[in-house]
C-alpha atoms as a PDB file:
ATOM      1  CA  MET A   1     125.626 150.273 -95.686  1.00  0.00           C
ATOM      2  CA  ILE A   2     122.321 149.360 -98.129  1.00  0.00           C
ATOM      3  CA  GLU A   3     122.477 152.881 -99.502  1.00  0.00           C
ATOM      4  CA  LYS A   4     126.385 152.494 -99.875  1.00  0.00           C
ATOM      5  CA  TYR A   5     126.041 149.348-101.835  1.00  0.00           C
ATOM      6  CA  SER A   6     123.053 150.300-103.780  1.00  0.00           C
ATOM      7  CA  PHE A   7     124.717 152.522-106.457  1.00  0.00           C
ATOM      8  CA  ILE A   8     127.568 149.961-106.855  1.00  0.00           C
ATOM      9  CA  HIS A   9     126.942 148.279-110.439  1.00  0.00           C
ATOM     10  CA  GLY A  10     126.463 144.729-110.843  1.00  0.00           C
ATOM     11  CA  GLU A  11     125.203 141.523-108.737  1.00  0.00           C
ATOM     12  CA  GLU A  12     128.554 141.822-105.948  1.00  0.00           C
ATOM     13  CA  GLY A  13     127.385 145.181-105.180  1.00  0.00           C
ATOM     14  CA  ASN A  14     124.443 144.621-104.817  1.00  0.00           C
ATOM     15  CA  TYR A  15     124.807 141.535-102.260  1.00  0.00           C
ATOM     16  CA  PRO A  16     123.454 143.483 -99.409  1.00  0.00           C
ATOM     17  CA  ILE A  17     120.151 144.611-101.030  1.00  0.00           C
ATOM     18  CA  ILE A  18     119.420 140.479-102.382  1.00  0.00           C
ATOM     19  CA  LYS A  19     120.157 139.365 -98.956  1.00  0.00           C
ATOM     20  CA  MET A  20     118.106 141.847 -97.091  1.00  0.00           C
ATOM     21  CA  CYS A  21     114.951 140.989 -99.503  1.00  0.00           C
ATOM     22  CA  ARG A  22     115.909 137.151 -98.970  1.00  0.00           C
ATOM     23  CA  TRP A  23     115.405 138.148 -95.515  1.00  0.00           C
ATOM     24  CA  ALA A  24     112.107 140.074 -96.150  1.00  0.00           C
ATOM     25  CA  LYS A  25     111.186 137.593 -98.181  1.00  0.00           C
ATOM     26  CA  VAL A  26     110.059 140.562-100.982  1.00  0.00           C
ATOM     27  CA  SER A  27     111.363 140.240-104.260  1.00  0.00           C
ATOM     28  CA  ARG A  28     114.387 142.859-105.380  1.00  0.00           C
ATOM     29  CA  THR A  29     111.521 144.569-107.979  1.00  0.00           C
ATOM     30  CA  GLY A  30     109.526 145.045-104.600  1.00  0.00           C
ATOM     31  CA  TYR A  31     111.964 146.494-102.935  1.00  0.00           C
ATOM     32  CA  TYR A  32     113.068 148.911-105.844  1.00  0.00           C
ATOM     33  CA  GLU A  33     109.473 149.805-106.391  1.00  0.00           C
ATOM     34  CA  TRP A  34     108.854 150.739-102.816  1.00  0.00           C
ATOM     35  CA  ARG A  35     111.668 152.793-103.345  1.00  0.00           C
ATOM     36  CA  THR A  36     110.981 155.228-105.798  1.00  0.00           C
ATOM     37  CA  ARG A  37     107.461 155.337-104.869  1.00  0.00           C
ATOM     38  CA  THR A  38     105.625 158.749-104.100  1.00  0.00           C
ATOM     39  CA  PRO A  39     104.548 160.137-100.932  1.00  0.00           C
ATOM     40  CA  SER A  40     100.855 158.886-100.327  1.00  0.00           C
ATOM     41  CA  VAL A  41      98.193 161.770-100.636  1.00  0.00           C
ATOM     42  CA  THR A  42      97.771 160.780 -97.004  1.00  0.00           C
ATOM     43  CA  ALA A  43     101.485 160.795 -96.260  1.00  0.00           C
ATOM     44  CA  GLN A  44     101.889 164.571 -97.917  1.00  0.00           C
ATOM     45  CA  ARG A  45      98.967 165.305 -96.147  1.00  0.00           C
ATOM     46  CA  ARG A  46     100.894 164.809 -92.533  1.00  0.00           C
ATOM     47  CA  ALA A  47     104.135 165.734 -93.749  1.00  0.00           C
ATOM     48  CA  ARG A  48     102.269 169.353 -94.635  1.00  0.00           C
ATOM     49  CA  LEU A  49     100.280 169.268 -91.302  1.00  0.00           C
ATOM     50  CA  GLU A  50     103.735 167.955 -89.141  1.00  0.00           C
ATOM     51  CA  ALA A  51     105.519 171.118 -90.888  1.00  0.00           C
ATOM     52  CA  LEU A  52     102.759 173.507 -89.655  1.00  0.00           C
ATOM     53  CA  ILE A  53     102.487 172.222 -85.783  1.00  0.00           C
ATOM     54  CA  ARG A  54     105.990 172.121 -85.699  1.00  0.00           C
ATOM     55  CA  PHE A  55     105.960 175.842 -86.879  1.00  0.00           C
ATOM     56  CA  GLU A  56     103.691 177.371 -84.562  1.00  0.00           C
ATOM     57  CA  PHE A  57     104.813 175.471 -81.635  1.00  0.00           C
ATOM     58  CA  GLU A  58     108.670 176.861 -82.339  1.00  0.00           C
ATOM     59  CA  ALA A  59     106.923 180.390 -82.534  1.00  0.00           C
ATOM     60  CA  SER A  60     105.338 180.445 -79.359  1.00  0.00           C
ATOM     61  CA  GLN A  61     108.813 179.611 -78.112  1.00  0.00           C
ATOM     62  CA  ALA A  62     107.422 176.311 -76.996  1.00  0.00           C
ATOM     63  CA  THR A  63     104.531 177.652 -75.069  1.00  0.00           C
ATOM     64  CA  TYR A  64     101.432 176.473 -76.646  1.00  0.00           C
ATOM     65  CA  GLY A  65     100.061 172.936 -75.917  1.00  0.00           C
ATOM     66  CA  TYR A  66      97.565 171.193 -78.470  1.00  0.00           C
ATOM     67  CA  ARG A  67      94.771 173.282 -78.043  1.00  0.00           C
ATOM     68  CA  ARG A  68      96.188 176.855 -78.620  1.00  0.00           C
ATOM     69  CA  ILE A  69      98.312 174.977 -81.720  1.00  0.00           C
ATOM     70  CA  HIS A  70      95.229 174.055 -82.612  1.00  0.00           C
ATOM     71  CA  ALA A  71      93.494 177.336 -82.598  1.00  0.00           C
ATOM     72  CA  ALA A  72      96.631 179.390 -83.832  1.00  0.00           C
ATOM     73  CA  LEU A  73      96.074 176.522 -86.967  1.00  0.00           C
ATOM     74  CA  ALA A  74      92.299 177.651 -87.545  1.00  0.00           C
ATOM     75  CA  ARG A  75      93.262 181.019 -87.433  1.00  0.00           C
ATOM     76  CA  ARG A  76      95.716 180.449 -90.245  1.00  0.00           C
ATOM     77  CA  GLY A  77      92.588 178.482 -92.318  1.00  0.00           C
ATOM     78  CA  HIS A  78      94.199 175.449 -91.534  1.00  0.00           C
ATOM     79  CA  LEU A  79      91.102 172.966 -90.460  1.00  0.00           C
ATOM     80  CA  VAL A  80      91.998 170.043 -88.553  1.00  0.00           C
ATOM     81  CA  ASP A  81      90.644 168.150 -85.257  1.00  0.00           C
ATOM     82  CA  ASP A  82      91.865 168.872 -82.097  1.00  0.00           C
ATOM     83  CA  GLU A  83      92.860 165.356 -81.363  1.00  0.00           C
ATOM     84  CA  THR A  84      94.936 165.508 -84.565  1.00  0.00           C
ATOM     85  CA  VAL A  85      97.018 168.004 -83.622  1.00  0.00           C
ATOM     86  CA  ARG A  86      97.301 166.089 -79.871  1.00  0.00           C
ATOM     87  CA  LEU A  87      98.322 163.079 -81.493  1.00  0.00           C
ATOM     88  CA  VAL A  88     100.912 164.760 -83.718  1.00  0.00           C
ATOM     89  CA  MET A  89     102.611 166.736 -80.819  1.00  0.00           C
ATOM     90  CA  ARG A  90     102.857 163.710 -79.514  1.00  0.00           C
ATOM     91  CA  ASP A  91     104.024 161.647 -82.034  1.00  0.00           C
ATOM     92  CA  LEU A  92     106.874 164.967 -82.960  1.00  0.00           C
ATOM     93  CA  GLY A  93     107.353 164.685 -79.093  1.00  0.00           C
ATOM     94  CA  LEU A  94     106.602 168.562 -78.848  1.00  0.00           C
ATOM     95  CA  VAL A  95     105.511 169.285 -75.132  1.00  0.00           C
ATOM     96  CA  ALA A  96     104.867 172.744 -73.841  1.00  0.00           C
ATOM     97  CA  CYS A  97     106.308 173.978 -70.842  1.00  0.00           C
ATOM     98  CA  GLN A  98     104.115 173.049 -67.815  1.00  0.00           C
ATOM     99  CA  PRO A  99     103.097 175.578 -64.398  1.00  0.00           C
ATOM    100  CA  ARG A 100     103.833 173.517 -61.008  1.00  0.00           C
ATOM    101  CA  PRO A 101     101.426 172.237 -59.387  1.00  0.00           C
ATOM    102  CA  PHE A 102      99.621 174.731 -56.822  1.00  0.00           C
ATOM    103  CA  ARG A 103      99.644 174.038 -53.987  1.00  0.00           C
ATOM    104  CA  PRO A 104      97.651 176.402 -51.434  1.00  0.00           C
ATOM    105  CA  THR A 105      98.056 177.171 -47.934  1.00  0.00           C
ATOM    106  CA  THR A 106      95.255 177.212 -45.250  1.00  0.00           C
ATOM    107  CA  THR A 107      95.301 180.380 -43.638  1.00  0.00           C
ATOM    108  CA  ILE A 108      92.641 182.704 -41.458  1.00  0.00           C
ATOM    109  CA  PRO A 109      91.273 185.236 -42.752  1.00  0.00           C
ATOM    110  CA  ALA A 110      92.419 188.683 -41.029  1.00  0.00           C
ATOM    111  CA  PRO A 111      89.800 191.350 -40.903  1.00  0.00           C
ATOM    112  CA  SER A 112      89.899 194.616 -43.487  1.00  0.00           C
ATOM    113  CA  ALA A 113      88.811 198.092 -43.065  1.00  0.00           C
ATOM    114  CA  THR A 114      88.779 198.069 -47.200  1.00  0.00           C
ATOM    115  CA  PRO A 115      86.527 195.666 -48.302  1.00  0.00           C
ATOM    116  CA  ASP A 116      86.377 192.486 -51.493  1.00  0.00           C
ATOM    117  CA  LEU A 117      84.200 194.280 -54.186  1.00  0.00           C
ATOM    118  CA  LEU A 118      84.726 191.726 -56.158  1.00  0.00           C
ATOM    119  CA  GLU A 119      84.575 188.573 -54.715  1.00  0.00           C
ATOM    120  CA  ARG A 120      86.108 186.153 -57.255  1.00  0.00           C
ATOM    121  CA  ASP A 121      84.260 187.832 -60.463  1.00  0.00           C
ATOM    122  CA  PHE A 122      87.256 189.072 -62.670  1.00  0.00           C
ATOM    123  CA  THR A 123      84.354 189.303 -65.471  1.00  0.00           C
ATOM    124  CA  ALA A 124      83.969 192.766 -67.131  1.00  0.00           C
ATOM    125  CA  CYS A 125      81.249 194.111 -69.558  1.00  0.00           C
ATOM    126  CA  ASP A 126      84.476 197.204 -70.577  1.00  0.00           C
ATOM    127  CA  PRO A 127      87.540 198.423 -70.518  1.00  0.00           C
ATOM    128  CA  GLY A 128      88.490 200.287 -67.506  1.00  0.00           C
ATOM    129  CA  GLU A 129      85.531 198.675 -65.116  1.00  0.00           C
ATOM    130  CA  LYS A 130      87.991 196.358 -62.871  1.00  0.00           C
ATOM    131  CA  LEU A 131      91.398 196.397 -62.843  1.00  0.00           C
ATOM    132  CA  VAL A 132      93.310 193.622 -61.133  1.00  0.00           C
ATOM    133  CA  GLY A 133      97.229 194.190 -59.686  1.00  0.00           C
ATOM    134  CA  ASP A 134      99.781 192.096 -58.142  1.00  0.00           C
ATOM    135  CA  ILE A 135     103.811 191.962 -57.398  1.00  0.00           C
ATOM    136  CA  THR A 136     106.058 189.253 -57.960  1.00  0.00           C
ATOM    137  CA  TYR A 137     109.823 188.782 -58.014  1.00  0.00           C
ATOM    138  CA  ILE A 138     112.237 188.236 -60.497  1.00  0.00           C
ATOM    139  CA  PRO A 139     116.007 186.692 -59.463  1.00  0.00           C
ATOM    140  CA  THR A 140     118.879 188.058 -61.438  1.00  0.00           C
ATOM    141  CA  ARG A 141     122.887 187.615 -60.824  1.00  0.00           C
ATOM    142  CA  GLU A 142     122.335 191.465 -59.552  1.00  0.00           C
ATOM    143  CA  GLY A 143     119.432 190.835 -57.502  1.00  0.00           C
ATOM    144  CA  TRP A 144     115.679 190.435 -57.194  1.00  0.00           C
ATOM    145  CA  LEU A 145     113.774 192.390 -59.690  1.00  0.00           C
ATOM    146  CA  PHE A 146     110.265 193.162 -58.486  1.00  0.00           C
ATOM    147  CA  LEU A 147     107.568 193.530 -60.928  1.00  0.00           C
ATOM    148  CA  ALA A 148     103.973 195.160 -60.319  1.00  0.00           C
ATOM    149  CA  THR A 149     101.288 195.098 -62.569  1.00  0.00           C
ATOM    150  CA  VAL A 150      97.766 196.217 -63.345  1.00  0.00           C
ATOM    151  CA  LEU A 151      95.452 194.155 -65.999  1.00  0.00           C
ATOM    152  CA  ASP A 152      92.269 194.823 -66.933  1.00  0.00           C
ATOM    153  CA  CYS A 153      89.663 192.018 -66.486  1.00  0.00           C
ATOM    154  CA  PHE A 154      87.341 193.178 -69.520  1.00  0.00           C
ATOM    155  CA  SER A 155      90.355 192.108 -71.835  1.00  0.00           C
ATOM    156  CA  LYS A 156      93.100 190.483 -69.898  1.00  0.00           C
ATOM    157  CA  LYS A 157      95.593 192.946 -71.042  1.00  0.00           C
ATOM    158  CA  VAL A 158      98.272 194.141 -69.179  1.00  0.00           C
ATOM    159  CA  VAL A 159      97.666 197.920 -69.033  1.00  0.00           C
ATOM    160  CA  GLY A 160     100.214 198.912 -66.854  1.00  0.00           C
ATOM    161  CA  TYR A 161     103.330 197.599 -65.043  1.00  0.00           C
ATOM    162  CA  ALA A 162     106.573 198.866 -63.316  1.00  0.00           C
ATOM    163  CA  MET A 163     110.285 197.614 -62.449  1.00  0.00           C
ATOM    164  CA  ALA A 164     112.230 198.201 -59.604  1.00  0.00           C
ATOM    165  CA  ASP A 165     115.039 196.878 -57.482  1.00  0.00           C
ATOM    166  CA  HIS A 166     112.902 197.895 -54.395  1.00  0.00           C
ATOM    167  CA  LEU A 167     109.284 197.250 -53.097  1.00  0.00           C
ATOM    168  CA  ARG A 168     108.061 200.854 -52.024  1.00  0.00           C
ATOM    169  CA  THR A 169     104.858 202.033 -52.386  1.00  0.00           C
ATOM    170  CA  SER A 170     106.020 203.561 -55.611  1.00  0.00           C
ATOM    171  CA  LEU A 171     106.311 200.689 -57.463  1.00  0.00           C
ATOM    172  CA  VAL A 172     102.594 200.148 -57.602  1.00  0.00           C
ATOM    173  CA  THR A 173     101.442 203.620 -57.943  1.00  0.00           C
ATOM    174  CA  ASP A 174     103.990 203.540 -60.825  1.00  0.00           C
ATOM    175  CA  ALA A 175     102.013 200.589 -62.317  1.00  0.00           C
ATOM    176  CA  LEU A 176      98.465 201.744 -62.023  1.00  0.00           C
ATOM    177  CA  GLY A 177      99.946 205.488 -63.137  1.00  0.00           C
ATOM    178  CA  MET A 178     100.715 203.774 -66.675  1.00  0.00           C
ATOM    179  CA  ALA A 179      97.285 201.895 -66.535  1.00  0.00           C
ATOM    180  CA  ALA A 180      95.283 205.524 -66.078  1.00  0.00           C
ATOM    181  CA  LYS A 181      96.965 206.453 -69.480  1.00  0.00           C
ATOM    182  CA  ASN A 182      96.263 203.343 -71.018  1.00  0.00           C
ATOM    183  CA  VAL A 183      92.508 202.693 -70.014  1.00  0.00           C
ATOM    184  CA  LYS A 184      90.017 205.260 -69.210  1.00  0.00           C
ATOM    185  CA  ILE A 185      89.715 205.436 -65.185  1.00  0.00           C
ATOM    186  CA  LEU A 186      85.519 206.079 -64.913  1.00  0.00           C
ATOM    187  CA  PRO A 187      85.771 207.662 -61.301  1.00  0.00           C
ATOM    188  CA  GLN A 188      84.159 206.471 -58.447  1.00  0.00           C
ATOM    189  CA  VAL A 189      82.869 202.865 -61.006  1.00  0.00           C
ATOM    190  CA  THR A 190      86.748 201.697 -61.781  1.00  0.00           C
ATOM    191  CA  ILE A 191      87.909 199.312 -59.519  1.00  0.00           C
ATOM    192  CA  PHE A 192      91.451 198.310 -58.863  1.00  0.00           C
ATOM    193  CA  HIS A 193      91.826 194.914 -56.841  1.00  0.00           C
ATOM    194  CA  SER A 194      94.635 193.591 -55.029  1.00  0.00           C
ATOM    195  CA  ASP A 195      95.849 190.962 -52.363  1.00  0.00           C
ATOM    196  CA  ARG A 196      96.936 192.764 -48.694  1.00  0.00           C
ATOM    197  CA  GLY A 197     100.455 193.621 -49.474  1.00  0.00           C
ATOM    198  CA  CYS A 198     101.456 196.690 -47.162  1.00  0.00           C
ATOM    199  CA  GLN A 199     102.205 198.927 -50.721  1.00  0.00           C
ATOM    200  CA  TYR A 200      98.749 197.816 -51.731  1.00  0.00           C
ATOM    201  CA  THR A 201      97.354 199.020 -48.095  1.00  0.00           C
ATOM    202  CA  SER A 202      99.573 201.962 -47.460  1.00  0.00           C
ATOM    203  CA  GLN A 203      97.923 205.670 -46.749  1.00  0.00           C
ATOM    204  CA  GLU A 204     100.061 206.605 -49.883  1.00  0.00           C
ATOM    205  CA  PHE A 205      98.420 204.316 -52.422  1.00  0.00           C
ATOM    206  CA  ALA A 206      95.376 205.066 -50.517  1.00  0.00           C
ATOM    207  CA  ASP A 207      96.045 209.016 -51.308  1.00  0.00           C
ATOM    208  CA  TYR A 208      97.301 208.232 -54.820  1.00  0.00           C
ATOM    209  CA  THR A 209      94.030 206.148 -56.039  1.00  0.00           C
ATOM    210  CA  ASP A 210      91.550 208.761 -54.348  1.00  0.00           C
ATOM    211  CA  LYS A 211      92.877 211.241 -56.562  1.00  0.00           C
ATOM    212  CA  LEU A 212      92.662 208.838 -59.581  1.00  0.00           C
ATOM    213  CA  GLY A 213      88.897 208.514 -58.499  1.00  0.00           C
ATOM    214  CA  VAL A 214      89.467 204.601 -58.339  1.00  0.00           C
ATOM    215  CA  ARG A 215      87.884 202.327 -56.268  1.00  0.00           C
ATOM    216  CA  ARG A 216      89.993 199.815 -53.804  1.00  0.00           C
ATOM    217  CA  SER A 217      89.471 196.010 -53.042  1.00  0.00           C
ATOM    218  CA  VAL A 218      91.438 193.901 -51.546  1.00  0.00           C
ATOM    219  CA  GLY A 219      91.322 190.090 -51.191  1.00  0.00           C
ATOM    220  CA  ARG A 220      91.448 188.336 -47.791  1.00  0.00           C
ATOM    221  CA  THR A 221      94.700 187.289 -46.407  1.00  0.00           C
ATOM    222  CA  GLY A 222      96.466 184.323 -47.452  1.00  0.00           C
ATOM    223  CA  ILE A 223      93.759 183.337 -49.808  1.00  0.00           C
ATOM    224  CA  CYS A 224      95.359 183.469 -53.019  1.00  0.00           C
ATOM    225  CA  TYR A 225      91.939 182.495 -55.250  1.00  0.00           C
ATOM    226  CA  ASP A 226      90.314 185.908 -54.085  1.00  0.00           C
ATOM    227  CA  ASN A 227      93.251 187.787 -56.984  1.00  0.00           C
ATOM    228  CA  ALA A 228      93.865 184.635 -59.050  1.00  0.00           C
ATOM    229  CA  TRP A 229      93.880 186.592 -62.108  1.00  0.00           C
ATOM    230  CA  ALA A 230      96.712 189.120 -61.458  1.00  0.00           C
ATOM    231  CA  GLU A 231      98.016 185.520 -59.468  1.00  0.00           C
ATOM    232  CA  SER A 232      97.394 183.361 -63.309  1.00  0.00           C
ATOM    233  CA  PHE A 233      99.817 186.123 -65.043  1.00  0.00           C
ATOM    234  CA  ASN A 234     102.382 186.021 -62.352  1.00  0.00           C
ATOM    235  CA  GLY A 235     102.738 181.901 -63.233  1.00  0.00           C
ATOM    236  CA  THR A 236     102.109 182.929 -67.009  1.00  0.00           C
ATOM    237  CA  LEU A 237     104.849 185.135 -67.018  1.00  0.00           C
ATOM    238  CA  LYS A 238     106.905 182.652 -65.238  1.00  0.00           C
ATOM    239  CA  VAL A 239     106.417 179.221 -67.019  1.00  0.00           C
ATOM    240  CA  GLU A 240     106.508 180.733 -70.281  1.00  0.00           C
ATOM    241  CA  LEU A 241     109.639 182.889 -69.433  1.00  0.00           C
ATOM    242  CA  VAL A 242     111.490 183.827 -66.149  1.00  0.00           C
ATOM    243  CA  ASN A 243     112.327 179.933 -65.230  1.00  0.00           C
ATOM    244  CA  ARG A 244     114.017 179.050 -68.317  1.00  0.00           C
ATOM    245  CA  THR A 245     116.550 181.757 -68.486  1.00  0.00           C
ATOM    246  CA  THR A 246     119.305 183.442 -66.474  1.00  0.00           C
ATOM    247  CA  TYR A 247     119.440 187.146 -66.338  1.00  0.00           C
ATOM    248  CA  PRO A 248     122.736 188.590 -66.088  1.00  0.00           C
ATOM    249  CA  THR A 249     121.482 192.114 -64.989  1.00  0.00           C
ATOM    250  CA  ARG A 250     118.169 193.877 -64.068  1.00  0.00           C
ATOM    251  CA  ASN A 251     118.348 195.863 -67.058  1.00  0.00           C
ATOM    252  CA  LYS A 252     118.657 192.425 -69.332  1.00  0.00           C
ATOM    253  CA  ALA A 253     115.756 191.571 -67.111  1.00  0.00           C
ATOM    254  CA  GLN A 254     113.478 194.049 -67.532  1.00  0.00           C
ATOM    255  CA  ALA A 255     114.239 194.407 -71.347  1.00  0.00           C
ATOM    256  CA  GLU A 256     112.967 190.686 -71.946  1.00  0.00           C
ATOM    257  CA  ILE A 257     109.635 191.011 -69.534  1.00  0.00           C
ATOM    258  CA  THR A 258     108.898 194.059 -71.506  1.00  0.00           C
ATOM    259  CA  ARG A 259     109.163 192.743 -74.608  1.00  0.00           C
ATOM    260  CA  TYR A 260     107.396 189.168 -73.650  1.00  0.00           C
ATOM    261  CA  ILE A 261     103.739 192.182 -72.375  1.00  0.00           C
ATOM    262  CA  GLU A 262     104.194 194.609 -75.216  1.00  0.00           C
ATOM    263  CA  LEU A 263     105.042 192.068 -78.137  1.00  0.00           C
ATOM    264  CA  HIS A 264     104.151 188.694 -77.061  1.00  0.00           C
ATOM    265  CA  TYR A 265     101.221 188.525 -74.399  1.00  0.00           C
ATOM    266  CA  ASN A 266      99.270 191.032 -75.106  1.00  0.00           C
ATOM    267  CA  GLN A 267      99.597 191.220 -79.137  1.00  0.00           C
ATOM    268  CA  VAL A 268     100.301 187.352 -80.203  1.00  0.00           C
ATOM    269  CA  ARG A 269      99.356 185.198 -77.045  1.00  0.00           C
ATOM    270  CA  LEU A 270      95.683 183.530 -77.523  1.00  0.00           C
ATOM    271  CA  HIS A 271      93.731 183.484 -74.104  1.00  0.00           C
ATOM    272  CA  SER A 272      91.182 180.610 -74.104  1.00  0.00           C
ATOM    273  CA  ALA A 273      89.601 182.852 -71.974  1.00  0.00           C
ATOM    274  CA  LEU A 274      88.718 185.239 -74.370  1.00  0.00           C
ATOM    275  CA  GLY A 275      88.045 182.440 -77.253  1.00  0.00           C
ATOM    276  CA  TYR A 276      91.289 181.970 -78.613  1.00  0.00           C
ATOM    277  CA  HIS A 277      91.689 185.991 -79.204  1.00  0.00           C
ATOM    278  CA  THR A 278      94.423 187.875 -77.985  1.00  0.00           C
ATOM    279  CA  PRO A 279      93.682 190.897 -75.928  1.00  0.00           C
ATOM    280  CA  ASN A 280      94.452 193.472 -78.030  1.00  0.00           C
ATOM    281  CA  GLU A 281      92.326 191.852 -80.312  1.00  0.00           C
ATOM    282  CA  ILE A 282      89.016 192.336 -77.844  1.00  0.00           C
ATOM    283  CA  GLU A 283      90.095 195.656 -76.878  1.00  0.00           C
ATOM    284  CA  GLN A 284      90.018 196.702 -80.792  1.00  0.00           C
ATOM    285  CA  ALA A 285      86.981 194.811 -81.265  1.00  0.00           C
ATOM    286  CA  TRP A 286      85.533 196.670 -78.574  1.00  0.00           C
ATOM    287  CA  HIS A 287      86.577 200.394 -79.699  1.00  0.00           C
ATOM    288  CA  GLN A 288      85.322 199.203 -83.095  1.00  0.00           C
ATOM    289  CA  ALA A 289      81.707 198.356 -82.320  1.00  0.00           C
ATOM    290  CA  LYS A 290      81.134 201.977 -79.898  1.00  0.00           C
ATOM    291  CA  THR A 291      82.791 203.402 -83.011  1.00  0.00           C
ATOM    292  CA  ALA A 292      79.780 201.583 -85.486  1.00  0.00           C
ATOM    293  CA  ALA A 293      76.967 202.178 -82.571  1.00  0.00           C
END
């Protein structure tokens, strides 16, 4: 109403403004000066920062919290305190999607003929030294789509994956086969670690790993922490992609998951465990260092 009458000439047209100024105990001159005043340098800087933060948040598809937003801004040359980023995101109502609280169950570990060669040490000095794998279920309207992944502990990169409508051992051998093409397998050095699912403890899988020269390693039954890195990827995939959509077909889910792994997780997503670098950057830096040596 004030905006409407403020464009009407004459004292009668300006009466709502006059009345408002009297109520607020400010002069009309002061009011008009305030309306035409250019934003302060601080206000302009704040507006630019809000635009940058909103851009990075939307580019991450609402998956980045303030720490990753802060890192993404720094990579683009915008230096700002991380606490400022947190406060601006709070003011803008930008809330990243969060994983559900994890509630482990307690079980009695069963003995296994295959040892745990990692013992929860998911660090590696070189690519292909330690690989971890797991299977997760993706719901679609056609039924379950099963995803098997292989991650390299050195770069945290998904180096192998396979998807199918079944849980046969070929699902995990296909994923490991893809990994063997993407990273150099070091015969009798490379370790592949998984849980004790029947696919990973089958004779078919044992024969396949022996053929590649890969050493098998499994965690204890019911102890999810023994395969924490593979479990972590599954949780990230569900939170950032799967739980936010409904897939009409398995083919649609397979296409979206492939796009997420290849174009986002490996190539774009900043990992706190990697000093807010991407898996591809870590891998490329290693190869460059080897070439220069």
